[in-house]
């Protein structure tokens, strides 16, 4: 017999799938550490390869509404997916209330609390004006006046002037403040934009700067109380303050995997389906071909309902099915390590799909900055 070369056979498709799956057990989670790096497996080349990445990488859109989107990023490492998430949250510029001049506030809300509430109101407006015309505002330095760095191309001015008064025409038995008083509730829609300089070219009509949700409650007033506030909107980044984050939510989760290893039939199939979110498991009749197939496990069960995996993406991975002893050894749960399901909800200044493309541009820009630094480091050492 010839001596063994000691070389390991290439991994099978089943082994590759197992490596790429995080195991979800009753009380533990296994295979959580990434293994696709050089020298992790003997006689296997795991160095990053551009062509291999090109073949595996894929973006699949599941939902694409104007301000909400859901898509899958397939074939990337968790570090890349998390980089996109962090860029979406903190590194795409938006417009938000930054400076508040409280001329008069006789409401029960303190000035600083009211200013904070105003700052967190998301605004929208003409995209061309916000992205191309408006620039970043610089805070006045020592010796400069408060308006010395304020121009039409870096500041959008807003005002909120209102006073609560009695409604003489209110129904006699009414107890509703909205009927008893005028301006009892102040909403975001009561904030008005003040056009200055060339802003009329970019922020007129439908392109006017306005609250994304006009029904956000700002304050409650009673007769005699009033507000007189001037606000300045500036461009900024989410890493500076959450009010500049372009998204309300930007999250991802790993694609669930459900593998039925033994037939689940009849009442057990129905119970099995109830262990998952609606739409994850379907019930289908056993076909004649399946009942006659050798080793299928369906012999003599033609026409009976069986459990099949329909849409694993809907699964919440609650592990409810692992609590029942009748399903022990019949199902394997997991998550695909390189399949990330992103959910993005925009705050109004960016559409759900274009904000992801902007994140791609930002990551590309970061790589272009890093590349010469790495090159210089290699030449230096």
Protein backbone atom coordinates (compact mmCIF):
# COMPACT_ATOMS: atom_id res chain seq x y z
CA UNK A 1 0.00 0.00 0.00
CA UNK A 2 1.32 3.42 -0.96
CA UNK A 3 2.06 5.74 1.95
CA UNK A 4 -0.46 8.48 2.65
CA UNK A 5 0.46 11.90 1.34
CA UNK A 6 -1.05 13.47 4.43
CA UNK A 7 -3.09 15.86 2.32
CA UNK A 8 -6.71 16.40 3.26
CA UNK A 9 -9.47 15.92 0.70
CA UNK A 10 -11.34 19.06 -0.35
CA UNK A 11 -14.35 19.75 1.89
CA UNK A 12 -17.70 18.46 0.71
CA UNK A 13 -20.72 20.69 0.11
CA UNK A 14 -22.28 19.43 3.36
CA UNK A 15 -19.12 20.31 5.31
CA UNK A 16 -18.97 23.78 3.78
CA UNK A 17 -22.61 24.35 4.67
CA UNK A 18 -21.99 23.21 8.25
CA UNK A 19 -19.02 25.58 8.57
CA UNK A 20 -21.23 28.43 7.37
CA UNK A 21 -24.06 27.72 9.84
CA UNK A 22 -24.33 28.90 13.43
CA UNK A 23 -25.90 26.05 15.40
CA UNK A 24 -29.00 26.88 17.46
CA UNK A 25 -29.52 24.29 20.19
CA UNK A 26 -31.96 24.06 23.09
CA UNK A 27 -29.70 25.87 25.56
CA UNK A 28 -26.52 26.69 23.63
CA UNK A 29 -25.29 28.29 20.42
CA UNK A 30 -22.38 26.64 18.60
CA UNK A 31 -20.00 27.38 15.72
CA UNK A 32 -20.08 31.12 16.33
CA UNK A 33 -16.49 31.94 15.32
CA UNK A 34 -15.60 32.68 11.71
CA UNK A 35 -13.18 30.16 10.17
CA UNK A 36 -12.64 31.53 6.66
CA UNK A 37 -9.10 32.81 7.08
CA UNK A 38 -5.71 31.35 6.03
CA UNK A 39 -4.26 28.30 7.81
CA UNK A 40 -7.42 27.57 9.78
CA UNK A 41 -7.82 24.25 7.93
CA UNK A 42 -4.82 22.20 6.84
CA UNK A 43 -4.12 22.15 3.09
CA UNK A 44 -6.92 24.62 2.35
CA UNK A 45 -6.35 28.04 0.79
CA UNK A 46 -8.66 30.48 2.58
CA UNK A 47 -6.98 33.75 1.62
CA UNK A 48 -9.37 36.42 0.37
CA UNK A 49 -9.93 36.21 -3.37
CA UNK A 50 -11.65 38.92 -5.38
CA UNK A 51 -13.11 36.59 -7.98
CA UNK A 52 -14.43 34.18 -5.36
CA UNK A 53 -15.99 37.11 -3.51
CA UNK A 54 -17.56 38.35 -6.76
CA UNK A 55 -19.18 34.96 -7.32
CA UNK A 56 -20.59 34.66 -3.80
CA UNK A 57 -21.62 38.24 -3.12
CA UNK A 58 -25.25 39.13 -3.73
CA UNK A 59 -27.82 41.77 -2.73
CA UNK A 60 -31.48 40.71 -2.70
CA UNK A 61 -34.24 43.26 -2.08
CA UNK A 62 -37.29 42.00 -0.20
CA UNK A 63 -39.11 45.29 0.41
CA UNK A 64 -38.40 48.71 -1.03
CA UNK A 65 -40.85 51.38 0.07
CA UNK A 66 -39.87 55.03 0.02
CA UNK A 67 -38.73 55.29 3.63
CA UNK A 68 -38.59 51.61 4.65
CA UNK A 69 -36.55 48.88 3.03
CA UNK A 70 -35.46 45.33 3.72
CA UNK A 71 -32.76 43.50 1.81
CA UNK A 72 -30.28 40.65 2.17
CA UNK A 73 -26.52 41.08 1.98
CA UNK A 74 -25.12 37.66 1.08
CA UNK A 75 -21.54 36.47 0.94
CA UNK A 76 -19.84 38.97 3.28
CA UNK A 77 -18.25 38.76 6.71
CA UNK A 78 -19.96 40.15 9.81
CA UNK A 79 -17.34 42.92 10.00
CA UNK A 80 -18.44 44.29 6.61
CA UNK A 81 -22.14 44.05 7.46
CA UNK A 82 -21.54 45.84 10.75
CA UNK A 83 -19.52 48.54 8.98
CA UNK A 84 -22.54 49.26 6.76
CA UNK A 85 -24.81 49.37 9.82
CA UNK A 86 -22.57 51.85 11.64
CA UNK A 87 -22.26 54.06 8.55
CA UNK A 88 -26.04 54.06 8.11
CA UNK A 89 -26.52 55.18 11.70
CA UNK A 90 -23.76 57.72 12.15
CA UNK A 91 -21.83 58.75 9.03
CA UNK A 92 -24.34 60.08 6.49
CA UNK A 93 -25.05 63.82 6.96
CA UNK A 94 -28.53 65.17 7.60
CA UNK A 95 -30.21 68.41 8.64
CA UNK A 96 -31.46 68.94 12.20
CA UNK A 97 -32.22 71.73 14.67
CA UNK A 98 -28.91 72.65 16.25
CA UNK A 99 -29.28 76.10 17.81
CA UNK A 100 -32.42 77.30 19.64
CA UNK A 101 -33.02 80.93 20.65
CA UNK A 102 -35.69 80.94 23.34
CA UNK A 103 -37.12 84.46 23.14
CA UNK A 104 -40.11 83.61 25.34
CA UNK A 105 -41.30 80.39 26.94
CA UNK A 106 -44.00 80.55 29.61
CA UNK A 107 -45.07 76.92 29.25
CA UNK A 108 -44.43 74.34 31.98
CA UNK A 109 -41.57 72.81 29.97
CA UNK A 110 -38.11 74.07 30.87
CA UNK A 111 -36.13 75.81 28.12
CA UNK A 112 -33.47 73.11 27.87
CA UNK A 113 -36.03 70.26 27.78
CA UNK A 114 -38.06 72.00 25.09
CA UNK A 115 -34.90 72.66 23.08
CA UNK A 116 -34.02 68.97 23.26
CA UNK A 117 -37.52 67.99 22.09
CA UNK A 118 -37.23 70.37 19.14
CA UNK A 119 -33.81 69.00 18.21
CA UNK A 120 -35.13 65.46 17.90
CA UNK A 121 -37.89 66.37 15.40
CA UNK A 122 -36.88 64.92 11.99
CA UNK A 123 -37.13 67.33 9.05
CA UNK A 124 -37.30 66.82 5.31
CA UNK A 125 -37.22 69.04 2.23
CA UNK A 126 -35.75 69.48 -1.22
CA UNK A 127 -33.01 66.88 -1.71
CA UNK A 128 -30.93 69.04 -4.05
CA UNK A 129 -30.92 71.92 -1.60
CA UNK A 130 -30.05 69.78 1.42
CA UNK A 131 -27.31 67.74 -0.28
CA UNK A 132 -25.77 70.14 -2.78
CA UNK A 133 -26.57 73.70 -1.71
CA UNK A 134 -26.28 73.55 2.08
CA UNK A 135 -22.81 73.30 3.59
CA UNK A 136 -21.62 72.64 7.12
CA UNK A 137 -21.92 75.43 9.68
CA UNK A 138 -18.94 76.45 11.79
CA UNK A 139 -19.43 77.52 15.36
CA UNK A 140 -18.32 81.12 16.03
CA UNK A 141 -14.88 81.39 17.58
CA UNK A 142 -13.98 83.57 20.53
CA UNK A 143 -14.54 87.21 19.65
CA UNK A 144 -17.11 86.53 16.92
CA UNK A 145 -20.81 87.30 17.24
CA UNK A 146 -23.44 84.58 17.34
CA UNK A 147 -24.47 85.28 13.73
CA UNK A 148 -21.03 85.96 12.22
CA UNK A 149 -20.77 82.44 10.73
CA UNK A 150 -24.46 82.13 9.81
CA UNK A 151 -25.25 82.34 6.09
CA UNK A 152 -28.04 81.22 3.78
CA UNK A 153 -25.87 78.36 2.47
CA UNK A 154 -25.21 76.77 5.88
CA UNK A 155 -28.24 77.62 8.04
CA UNK A 156 -31.99 77.13 7.70
CA UNK A 157 -34.02 79.39 9.99
CA UNK A 158 -37.29 78.30 11.62
CA UNK A 159 -39.66 80.00 14.03
CA UNK A 160 -42.40 78.96 16.40
CA UNK A 161 -44.60 81.80 17.65
CA UNK A 162 -47.90 80.91 19.34
CA UNK A 163 -50.09 81.81 22.31
CA UNK A 164 -52.88 79.90 24.05
CA UNK A 165 -56.19 81.71 24.54
CA UNK A 166 -59.75 80.84 25.64
CA UNK A 167 -62.21 79.69 22.98
CA UNK A 168 -65.38 81.71 23.52
CA UNK A 169 -67.31 79.40 21.20
CA UNK A 170 -66.45 76.20 23.09
CA UNK A 171 -69.35 73.84 23.98
CA UNK A 172 -70.56 74.63 27.54
CA UNK A 173 -70.06 71.10 28.90
CA UNK A 174 -66.83 70.33 27.08
CA UNK A 175 -63.76 69.20 29.01
CA UNK A 176 -61.52 68.75 25.97
CA UNK A 177 -58.65 71.30 26.03
CA UNK A 178 -58.63 71.33 22.24
CA UNK A 179 -62.21 72.64 22.31
CA UNK A 180 -61.85 74.92 25.34
CA UNK A 181 -58.71 76.71 24.17
CA UNK A 182 -56.99 77.90 21.02
CA UNK A 183 -53.47 76.50 20.52
CA UNK A 184 -53.75 74.15 23.50
CA UNK A 185 -51.52 71.58 21.77
CA UNK A 186 -48.52 72.70 19.76
CA UNK A 187 -47.38 70.32 17.04
CA UNK A 188 -44.40 70.12 14.71
CA UNK A 189 -46.60 71.43 11.87
CA UNK A 190 -46.79 74.78 13.69
CA UNK A 191 -43.08 75.36 13.03
CA UNK A 192 -42.55 77.73 10.09
CA UNK A 193 -39.55 78.14 7.81
CA UNK A 194 -38.06 81.59 7.23
CA UNK A 195 -36.43 81.82 3.79
CA UNK A 196 -33.23 83.86 3.61
CA UNK A 197 -30.91 84.71 0.71
CA UNK A 198 -30.95 82.22 -2.16
CA UNK A 199 -32.87 79.53 -0.23
CA UNK A 200 -36.07 80.29 -2.18
CA UNK A 201 -34.47 78.62 -5.22
CA UNK A 202 -34.15 75.31 -3.38
CA UNK A 203 -36.74 75.26 -0.60
CA UNK A 204 -39.96 76.65 -2.07
CA UNK A 205 -43.30 74.87 -2.53
CA UNK A 206 -43.04 71.10 -2.15
CA UNK A 207 -39.32 71.41 -1.43
CA UNK A 208 -39.83 73.55 1.69
CA UNK A 209 -38.04 72.43 4.84
CA UNK A 210 -40.76 70.91 7.04
CA UNK A 211 -41.19 68.28 9.78
CA UNK A 212 -41.27 64.75 8.37
CA UNK A 213 -44.12 63.91 10.75
CA UNK A 214 -46.27 67.04 11.26
CA UNK A 215 -48.20 65.53 14.18
CA UNK A 216 -45.31 65.27 16.65
CA UNK A 217 -46.44 66.93 19.87
CA UNK A 218 -44.05 69.70 20.96
CA UNK A 219 -45.81 71.20 24.00
CA UNK A 220 -49.16 71.70 25.74
CA UNK A 221 -50.23 75.23 26.63
CA UNK A 222 -52.97 76.81 28.73
CA UNK A 223 -54.46 80.33 28.48
CA UNK A 224 -51.82 82.99 29.00
CA UNK A 225 -48.89 80.72 28.11
CA UNK A 226 -46.94 81.41 24.93
CA UNK A 227 -43.91 80.40 22.91
CA UNK A 228 -41.60 82.59 20.84
CA UNK A 229 -38.70 80.52 19.55
CA UNK A 230 -36.16 80.90 16.75
CA UNK A 231 -34.36 77.77 15.56
CA UNK A 232 -31.40 77.17 13.26
CA UNK A 233 -31.00 73.90 11.36
CA UNK A 234 -27.47 72.80 10.49
CA UNK A 235 -25.98 69.79 8.77
CA UNK A 236 -24.27 67.23 10.97
CA UNK A 237 -23.43 63.57 11.55
CA UNK A 238 -24.97 60.97 13.80
CA UNK A 239 -21.62 60.36 15.51
CA UNK A 240 -21.95 63.88 16.93
CA UNK A 241 -25.58 63.58 18.09
CA UNK A 242 -28.42 61.15 17.45
CA UNK A 243 -30.60 63.95 16.03
CA UNK A 244 -28.42 63.87 12.89
CA UNK A 245 -28.85 60.14 12.34
CA UNK A 246 -30.53 59.58 8.95
CA UNK A 247 -32.31 56.44 10.16
CA UNK A 248 -34.76 55.64 12.90
CA UNK A 249 -33.62 52.01 12.78
CA UNK A 250 -30.84 50.26 10.88
CA UNK A 251 -30.34 46.68 11.99
CA UNK A 252 -29.54 43.26 10.61
CA UNK A 253 -30.07 39.66 11.60
CA UNK A 254 -28.66 36.39 10.30
CA UNK A 255 -30.76 34.31 7.93
CA UNK A 256 -32.44 31.46 9.89
CA UNK A 257 -32.07 27.88 8.67
CA UNK A 258 -34.52 25.08 9.46
CA UNK A 259 -33.66 21.53 8.42
CA UNK A 260 -36.23 18.78 8.95
CA UNK A 261 -34.21 15.56 9.29
CA UNK A 262 -37.12 13.10 9.84
CA UNK A 263 -40.72 13.10 8.55
CA UNK A 264 -43.24 15.03 10.68
CA UNK A 265 -46.81 14.01 9.83
CA UNK A 266 -50.45 14.50 10.84
CA UNK A 267 -51.21 16.24 14.12
CA UNK A 268 -47.50 16.50 14.87
CA UNK A 269 -47.06 18.47 11.65
CA UNK A 270 -49.71 20.97 12.74
CA UNK A 271 -48.13 21.30 16.16
CA UNK A 272 -44.74 21.70 14.52
CA UNK A 273 -46.03 24.55 12.34
CA UNK A 274 -47.51 26.29 15.39
CA UNK A 275 -44.06 26.41 16.99
CA UNK A 276 -42.93 28.92 14.36
CA UNK A 277 -44.12 32.32 13.19
CA UNK A 278 -46.95 32.26 10.61
CA UNK A 279 -45.72 31.45 7.12
CA UNK A 280 -42.50 29.70 8.14
CA UNK A 281 -43.81 26.11 7.98
CA UNK A 282 -46.35 24.84 5.46
CA UNK A 283 -48.42 21.64 5.47
CA UNK A 284 -48.45 19.63 2.26
CA UNK A 285 -49.86 16.19 1.41
CA UNK A 286 -47.43 13.33 0.94
CA UNK A 287 -47.31 12.56 -2.79
CA UNK A 288 -47.49 9.06 -4.30
CA UNK A 289 -43.91 9.36 -5.48
CA UNK A 290 -42.70 10.22 -1.97
CA UNK A 291 -44.70 7.36 -0.43
CA UNK A 292 -43.09 4.88 -2.83
CA UNK A 293 -39.55 6.23 -2.61
CA UNK A 294 -37.25 3.87 -0.73
CA UNK A 295 -35.98 5.29 2.57
CA UNK A 296 -38.09 8.45 2.37
CA UNK A 297 -39.90 7.69 5.62
CA UNK A 298 -43.28 8.34 3.99
CA UNK A 299 -44.13 4.73 3.10
CA UNK A 300 -47.81 4.08 3.77
CA UNK A 301 -48.58 7.77 4.43
CA UNK A 302 -49.72 8.88 0.98
CA UNK A 303 -52.14 11.81 1.29
CA UNK A 304 -51.25 12.64 4.90
CA UNK A 305 -50.12 16.16 5.72
CA UNK A 306 -46.40 16.64 6.24
CA UNK A 307 -44.46 19.64 7.56
CA UNK A 308 -42.19 21.44 5.06
CA UNK A 309 -40.11 24.59 5.37
CA UNK A 310 -41.75 27.36 3.34
CA UNK A 311 -40.12 30.69 4.29
CA UNK A 312 -37.34 30.50 6.90
CA UNK A 313 -36.71 34.26 6.66
CA UNK A 314 -39.89 34.86 8.68
CA UNK A 315 -38.59 32.78 11.59
CA UNK A 316 -37.76 34.62 14.80
CA UNK A 317 -35.60 31.71 16.06
CA UNK A 318 -37.60 31.43 19.27
CA UNK A 319 -36.48 27.77 19.68
CA UNK A 320 -40.01 26.90 20.81
CA UNK A 321 -39.86 23.69 18.75
CA UNK A 322 -36.90 22.43 20.79
CA UNK A 323 -39.02 22.40 23.96
CA UNK A 324 -41.19 19.51 22.71
CA UNK A 325 -39.79 15.97 23.11
CA UNK A 326 -41.71 14.60 20.10
CA UNK A 327 -39.55 16.75 17.78
CA UNK A 328 -36.23 15.82 19.33
CA UNK A 329 -33.79 14.73 16.64
CA UNK A 330 -36.22 15.67 13.86
CA UNK A 331 -35.18 19.25 13.23
CA UNK A 332 -31.99 21.31 13.20
CA UNK A 333 -32.06 25.08 13.68
CA UNK A 334 -29.32 27.48 12.70
CA UNK A 335 -28.39 30.76 11.10
CA UNK A 336 -26.33 31.39 7.96
CA UNK A 337 -23.14 33.13 8.94
CA UNK A 338 -22.77 35.14 5.70
CA UNK A 339 -26.43 36.05 5.04
CA UNK A 340 -27.48 39.33 6.68
CA UNK A 341 -31.06 40.58 6.50
CA UNK A 342 -31.02 44.37 6.83
CA UNK A 343 -34.00 46.47 7.91
CA UNK A 344 -33.77 50.24 7.37
CA UNK A 345 -36.27 52.94 8.32
CA UNK A 346 -35.34 56.43 7.14
CA UNK A 347 -36.17 59.59 9.09
CA UNK A 348 -37.26 61.33 5.88
CA UNK A 349 -34.28 63.05 4.23
CA UNK A 350 -33.11 59.91 2.42
CA UNK A 351 -35.12 57.20 0.67
CA UNK A 352 -34.69 53.70 2.05
CA UNK A 353 -32.75 52.37 -0.94
CA UNK A 354 -30.58 55.39 -1.71
CA UNK A 355 -29.34 55.63 1.86
CA UNK A 356 -27.76 52.17 1.51
CA UNK A 357 -26.09 53.21 -1.75
CA UNK A 358 -24.75 56.26 0.07
CA UNK A 359 -23.35 53.96 2.76
CA UNK A 360 -21.58 51.96 0.04
CA UNK A 361 -20.02 55.19 -1.30
CA UNK A 362 -18.88 56.15 2.19
CA UNK A 363 -17.26 52.75 2.82
CA UNK A 364 -15.54 53.00 -0.56
CA UNK A 365 -14.23 56.45 0.37
CA UNK A 366 -12.86 55.10 3.65
CA UNK A 367 -11.07 52.31 1.78
CA UNK A 368 -9.52 54.84 -0.61
CA UNK A 369 -8.18 56.77 2.38
CA UNK A 370 -6.84 53.62 4.06
CA UNK A 371 -5.22 52.10 0.97
CA UNK A 372 -2.25 54.48 0.60
CA UNK A 373 -1.65 54.33 4.34
CA UNK A 374 -1.36 50.53 4.21
CA UNK A 375 0.90 50.82 1.18
CA UNK A 376 3.18 53.27 2.96
CA UNK A 377 3.26 51.03 6.02
CA UNK A 378 4.43 48.07 3.88
CA UNK A 379 7.14 50.14 2.17
CA UNK A 380 8.28 51.53 5.52
CA UNK A 381 8.72 48.17 7.20
